[in-house]
C-alpha atoms as a PDB file:
ATOM      1  CA  UNK A   1     278.026  81.701 117.269  1.00  0.00           C
ATOM      2  CA  UNK A   2     277.231  83.564 120.472  1.00  0.00           C
ATOM      3  CA  UNK A   3     275.951  86.813 118.946  1.00  0.00           C
ATOM      4  CA  UNK A   4     273.463  88.031 116.367  1.00  0.00           C
ATOM      5  CA  UNK A   5     273.020  91.198 114.322  1.00  0.00           C
ATOM      6  CA  UNK A   6     269.988  92.941 112.853  1.00  0.00           C
ATOM      7  CA  UNK A   7     269.637  96.165 110.903  1.00  0.00           C
ATOM      8  CA  UNK A   8     266.557  98.325 111.353  1.00  0.00           C
ATOM      9  CA  UNK A   9     266.931  99.513 107.752  1.00  0.00           C
ATOM     10  CA  UNK A  10     265.666  96.057 106.741  1.00  0.00           C
ATOM     11  CA  UNK A  11     262.228  96.848 108.246  1.00  0.00           C
ATOM     12  CA  UNK A  12     259.722  99.230 106.648  1.00  0.00           C
ATOM     13  CA  UNK A  13     257.190  99.219 109.498  1.00  0.00           C
ATOM     14  CA  UNK A  14     257.079 101.811 112.293  1.00  0.00           C
ATOM     15  CA  UNK A  15     257.848  99.063 114.830  1.00  0.00           C
ATOM     16  CA  UNK A  16     261.121  97.186 114.434  1.00  0.00           C
ATOM     17  CA  UNK A  17     261.180  93.923 116.486  1.00  0.00           C
ATOM     18  CA  UNK A  18     264.788  94.241 117.653  1.00  0.00           C
ATOM     19  CA  UNK A  19     264.944  91.512 120.307  1.00  0.00           C
ATOM     20  CA  UNK A  20     262.823  89.073 118.305  1.00  0.00           C
ATOM     21  CA  UNK A  21     264.937  89.548 115.176  1.00  0.00           C
ATOM     22  CA  UNK A  22     268.082  88.971 117.235  1.00  0.00           C
ATOM     23  CA  UNK A  23     266.624  85.827 118.817  1.00  0.00           C
ATOM     24  CA  UNK A  24     266.740  87.239 122.363  1.00  0.00           C
ATOM     25  CA  UNK A  25     265.214  84.979 124.976  1.00  0.00           C
ATOM     26  CA  UNK A  26     265.322  87.086 128.145  1.00  0.00           C
ATOM     27  CA  UNK A  27     264.545  90.627 127.017  1.00  0.00           C
ATOM     28  CA  UNK A  28     262.071  92.362 124.767  1.00  0.00           C
ATOM     29  CA  UNK A  29     263.160  95.327 122.649  1.00  0.00           C
ATOM     30  CA  UNK A  30     261.490  97.241 119.858  1.00  0.00           C
ATOM     31  CA  UNK A  31     262.466 100.354 117.957  1.00  0.00           C
ATOM     32  CA  UNK A  32     259.681 102.713 116.934  1.00  0.00           C
ATOM     33  CA  UNK A  33     260.104 105.318 114.207  1.00  0.00           C
ATOM     34  CA  UNK A  34     257.266 107.805 114.599  1.00  0.00           C
ATOM     35  CA  UNK A  35     256.265 110.473 112.125  1.00  0.00           C
ATOM     36  CA  UNK A  36     255.913 114.060 113.371  1.00  0.00           C
ATOM     37  CA  UNK A  37     253.263 114.481 116.085  1.00  0.00           C
ATOM     38  CA  UNK A  38     252.338 110.768 116.066  1.00  0.00           C
ATOM     39  CA  UNK A  39     250.556 109.711 119.271  1.00  0.00           C
ATOM     40  CA  UNK A  40     251.299 106.187 120.411  1.00  0.00           C
ATOM     41  CA  UNK A  41     248.871 103.871 122.174  1.00  0.00           C
ATOM     42  CA  UNK A  42     248.245 104.736 125.847  1.00  0.00           C
ATOM     43  CA  UNK A  43     248.648 101.597 127.936  1.00  0.00           C
ATOM     44  CA  UNK A  44     250.162  99.971 130.999  1.00  0.00           C
ATOM     45  CA  UNK A  45     251.976  96.656 131.349  1.00  0.00           C
ATOM     46  CA  UNK A  46     250.029  95.195 134.289  1.00  0.00           C
ATOM     47  CA  UNK A  47     249.123  92.142 132.225  1.00  0.00           C
ATOM     48  CA  UNK A  48     252.723  91.360 131.304  1.00  0.00           C
ATOM     49  CA  UNK A  49     254.414  92.631 134.462  1.00  0.00           C
ATOM     50  CA  UNK A  50     257.058  94.389 132.347  1.00  0.00           C
ATOM     51  CA  UNK A  51     258.950  97.469 133.273  1.00  0.00           C
ATOM     52  CA  UNK A  52     260.071  99.371 130.206  1.00  0.00           C
ATOM     53  CA  UNK A  53     263.105 101.525 129.484  1.00  0.00           C
ATOM     54  CA  UNK A  54     262.515 104.216 126.832  1.00  0.00           C
ATOM     55  CA  UNK A  55     265.521 105.660 124.994  1.00  0.00           C
ATOM     56  CA  UNK A  56     265.199 108.383 122.347  1.00  0.00           C
ATOM     57  CA  UNK A  57     267.504 107.712 119.398  1.00  0.00           C
ATOM     58  CA  UNK A  58     266.670 110.583 117.023  1.00  0.00           C
ATOM     59  CA  UNK A  59     264.303 113.521 117.124  1.00  0.00           C
ATOM     60  CA  UNK A  60     262.353 114.468 120.211  1.00  0.00           C
ATOM     61  CA  UNK A  61     258.946 114.218 121.799  1.00  0.00           C
ATOM     62  CA  UNK A  62     257.488 113.429 125.160  1.00  0.00           C
ATOM     63  CA  UNK A  63     255.761 110.754 127.155  1.00  0.00           C
ATOM     64  CA  UNK A  64     252.681 111.113 129.280  1.00  0.00           C
ATOM     65  CA  UNK A  65     253.175 108.898 132.327  1.00  0.00           C
ATOM     66  CA  UNK A  66     250.188 108.740 134.675  1.00  0.00           C
ATOM     67  CA  UNK A  67     249.156 112.165 133.360  1.00  0.00           C
ATOM     68  CA  UNK A  68     252.593 113.774 133.784  1.00  0.00           C
ATOM     69  CA  UNK A  69     254.550 114.929 130.712  1.00  0.00           C
ATOM     70  CA  UNK A  70     258.170 113.743 130.534  1.00  0.00           C
ATOM     71  CA  UNK A  71     260.473 114.955 127.745  1.00  0.00           C
ATOM     72  CA  UNK A  72     262.095 112.377 125.465  1.00  0.00           C
ATOM     73  CA  UNK A  73     265.327 113.344 123.723  1.00  0.00           C
ATOM     74  CA  UNK A  74     268.604 111.607 122.899  1.00  0.00           C
ATOM     75  CA  UNK A  75     270.673 111.055 126.023  1.00  0.00           C
ATOM     76  CA  UNK A  76     267.651 110.790 128.339  1.00  0.00           C
ATOM     77  CA  UNK A  77     266.515 107.411 129.693  1.00  0.00           C
ATOM     78  CA  UNK A  78     263.037 106.909 131.151  1.00  0.00           C
ATOM     79  CA  UNK A  79     262.139 103.784 133.155  1.00  0.00           C
ATOM     80  CA  UNK A  80     258.420 103.092 133.576  1.00  0.00           C
ATOM     81  CA  UNK A  81     257.002 100.483 135.955  1.00  0.00           C
ATOM     82  CA  UNK A  82     254.306  97.978 134.948  1.00  0.00           C
ATOM     83  CA  UNK A  83     251.374  99.801 136.595  1.00  0.00           C
ATOM     84  CA  UNK A  84     252.037 103.250 135.129  1.00  0.00           C
ATOM     85  CA  UNK A  85     249.919 104.378 132.191  1.00  0.00           C
ATOM     86  CA  UNK A  86     252.264 105.501 129.404  1.00  0.00           C
ATOM     87  CA  UNK A  87     251.945 107.104 125.977  1.00  0.00           C
ATOM     88  CA  UNK A  88     254.668 108.372 123.647  1.00  0.00           C
ATOM     89  CA  UNK A  89     254.019 111.443 121.509  1.00  0.00           C
ATOM     90  CA  UNK A  90     256.474 112.426 118.790  1.00  0.00           C
ATOM     91  CA  UNK A  91     257.509 116.038 118.387  1.00  0.00           C
ATOM     92  CA  UNK A  92     257.194 118.142 115.226  1.00  0.00           C
ATOM     93  CA  UNK A  93     260.305 116.559 113.667  1.00  0.00           C
ATOM     94  CA  UNK A  94     259.360 112.960 114.502  1.00  0.00           C
ATOM     95  CA  UNK A  95     260.886 110.585 117.033  1.00  0.00           C
ATOM     96  CA  UNK A  96     262.800 107.344 116.820  1.00  0.00           C
ATOM     97  CA  UNK A  97     263.016 105.510 120.143  1.00  0.00           C
ATOM     98  CA  UNK A  98     263.945 102.156 121.614  1.00  0.00           C
ATOM     99  CA  UNK A  99     261.846 100.370 124.231  1.00  0.00           C
ATOM    100  CA  UNK A 100     263.490  97.599 126.246  1.00  0.00           C
ATOM    101  CA  UNK A 101     261.224  95.568 128.506  1.00  0.00           C
ATOM    102  CA  UNK A 102     261.700  92.849 131.071  1.00  0.00           C
ATOM    103  CA  UNK A 103     259.362  91.245 133.567  1.00  0.00           C
ATOM    104  CA  UNK A 104     259.744  92.441 137.124  1.00  0.00           C
ATOM    105  CA  UNK A 105     260.209  89.423 139.379  1.00  0.00           C
ATOM    106  CA  UNK A 106     256.873  88.505 140.972  1.00  0.00           C
ATOM    107  CA  UNK A 107     254.846  90.795 138.673  1.00  0.00           C
ATOM    108  CA  UNK A 108     252.491  89.993 135.797  1.00  0.00           C
ATOM    109  CA  UNK A 109     250.554  86.876 134.993  1.00  0.00           C
END
């Protein structure tokens, strides 16, 4: 079989390990389901060398990237490089979003 399937409804936690559950070897992907006004962990990916693609699935909120607010809403894609400090903040109705990460060639440890 050259495909796999996972359903996020099978996970009760805020973080759903999408890529891990699918057995992905080259990419990392997690879905986060945040309650209203939840503030995620501010961090960068210098240690891993990953760039990350953020995709809002439901709800809305914003990211703070190196101090600059960037709206997150369905249909908007935000790519963040390894060195940028990032934090996701859910809006008043909550936010479900997907983060897909991959190591930038020559970056990380």
